[in-house]
Amino acid sequence: MYLRNLMSIDTEEMIRAQPMDAVVLIGGCEQDVPAQLMARLRQGCRACSSLPGSMLTGSHRGERVGACTDCRRYWGRYRAERSTRTRFHA
């Protein structure tokens, strides 16, 4: 919940910093959609929310990869020196 509130504050500041009459909020996660709506309500501006749906998984070197858990796993392998820099960036 605290990350959602922090994201809401960040979104609110971005809305306030831009001279716009309305905003388009694009989110697709259980954290960012409520955060964006909270920011919009606090700012009182017109907004349109777009929910593109869930992210599709892909593949890398024949292995199915998806969201942040795979990124963290690959970063952990790199940090543990079980993967080379060229393989990490390939």
Protein backbone atom coordinates (compact mmCIF):
# COMPACT_ATOMS: atom_id res chain seq x y z
CA MET A 1 0.00 0.00 0.00
CA TYR A 2 2.78 2.47 0.75
CA LEU A 3 4.22 2.05 -2.75
CA ARG A 4 0.79 2.72 -4.23
CA ASN A 5 0.56 5.93 -2.20
CA LEU A 6 4.05 6.97 -3.28
CA MET A 7 3.12 6.30 -6.90
CA SER A 8 -0.03 8.36 -6.42
CA ILE A 9 1.98 11.30 -5.08
CA ASP A 10 4.39 11.00 -8.02
CA THR A 11 1.53 10.94 -10.54
CA GLU A 12 -0.13 13.89 -8.83
CA GLU A 13 3.07 15.93 -9.06
CA MET A 14 3.48 15.06 -12.74
CA ILE A 15 -0.09 16.20 -13.43
CA ARG A 16 0.51 19.42 -11.49
CA ALA A 17 3.82 20.13 -13.26
CA GLN A 18 2.36 20.02 -16.77
CA PRO A 19 0.06 22.79 -18.08
CA MET A 20 -2.70 20.48 -19.34
CA ASP A 21 -6.48 20.58 -19.25
CA ALA A 22 -6.80 16.81 -19.18
CA VAL A 23 -4.62 13.71 -18.90
CA VAL A 24 -4.61 10.17 -20.25
CA LEU A 25 -3.65 7.63 -17.60
CA ILE A 26 -2.28 4.33 -18.88
CA GLY A 27 -1.82 1.53 -16.37
CA GLY A 28 -2.20 -2.20 -16.20
CA CYS A 29 -1.34 -3.32 -12.69
CA GLU A 30 -3.18 -3.67 -9.41
CA GLN A 31 -0.92 -0.94 -7.97
CA ASP A 32 -0.70 1.75 -10.61
CA VAL A 33 -4.35 1.99 -11.68
CA PRO A 34 -5.64 2.91 -8.18
CA ALA A 35 -2.65 5.22 -7.69
CA GLN A 36 -3.41 7.07 -10.91
CA LEU A 37 -7.07 7.41 -10.05
CA MET A 38 -6.22 8.70 -6.57
CA ALA A 39 -3.93 11.33 -8.09
CA ARG A 40 -6.54 12.34 -10.63
CA LEU A 41 -9.19 12.81 -7.96
CA ARG A 42 -6.88 14.89 -5.79
CA GLN A 43 -5.96 17.13 -8.73
CA GLY A 44 -9.55 17.44 -9.92
CA CYS A 45 -8.61 17.38 -13.60
CA ARG A 46 -10.34 15.61 -16.42
CA ALA A 47 -8.83 12.26 -17.28
CA CYS A 48 -9.28 9.20 -19.39
CA SER A 49 -7.96 5.90 -18.05
CA SER A 50 -6.72 3.23 -20.42
CA LEU A 51 -6.24 -0.31 -19.15
CA PRO A 52 -4.33 -2.25 -21.82
CA GLY A 53 -4.64 -5.58 -20.01
CA SER A 54 -2.12 -8.07 -18.81
CA MET A 55 1.39 -8.22 -20.21
CA LEU A 56 2.14 -11.14 -22.47
CA THR A 57 5.17 -13.28 -21.81
CA GLY A 58 7.98 -13.63 -24.28
CA SER A 59 10.98 -15.87 -24.71
CA HIS A 60 14.72 -15.40 -24.53
CA ARG A 61 17.08 -18.13 -25.73
CA GLY A 62 14.23 -20.63 -25.66
CA GLU A 63 13.23 -19.82 -22.09
CA ARG A 64 9.86 -18.27 -21.26
CA VAL A 65 10.28 -14.87 -19.58
CA GLY A 66 7.67 -12.53 -18.22
CA ALA A 67 7.69 -9.68 -15.76
CA CYS A 68 9.93 -8.36 -13.02
CA THR A 69 10.59 -11.70 -11.34
CA ASP A 70 12.54 -12.86 -14.39
CA CYS A 71 14.44 -9.56 -14.53
CA ARG A 72 15.44 -9.97 -10.90
CA ARG A 73 16.45 -13.59 -11.47
CA TYR A 74 18.69 -12.66 -14.42
CA TRP A 75 20.16 -9.71 -12.51
CA GLY A 76 20.90 -12.06 -9.58
CA ARG A 77 22.70 -14.46 -11.91
CA TYR A 78 24.75 -11.61 -13.31
CA ARG A 79 25.62 -10.26 -9.86
CA ALA A 80 26.62 -13.75 -8.69
CA GLU A 81 28.91 -13.92 -11.74
CA ARG A 82 27.09 -16.94 -13.13
CA SER A 83 26.46 -15.01 -16.33
CA THR A 84 28.77 -12.88 -18.44
CA ARG A 85 28.16 -9.30 -19.46
CA THR A 86 27.88 -10.20 -23.15
CA ARG A 87 25.31 -12.91 -22.37
CA PHE A 88 23.45 -10.49 -20.08
CA HIS A 89 23.12 -7.86 -22.82
CA ALA A 90 22.50 -10.28 -25.70
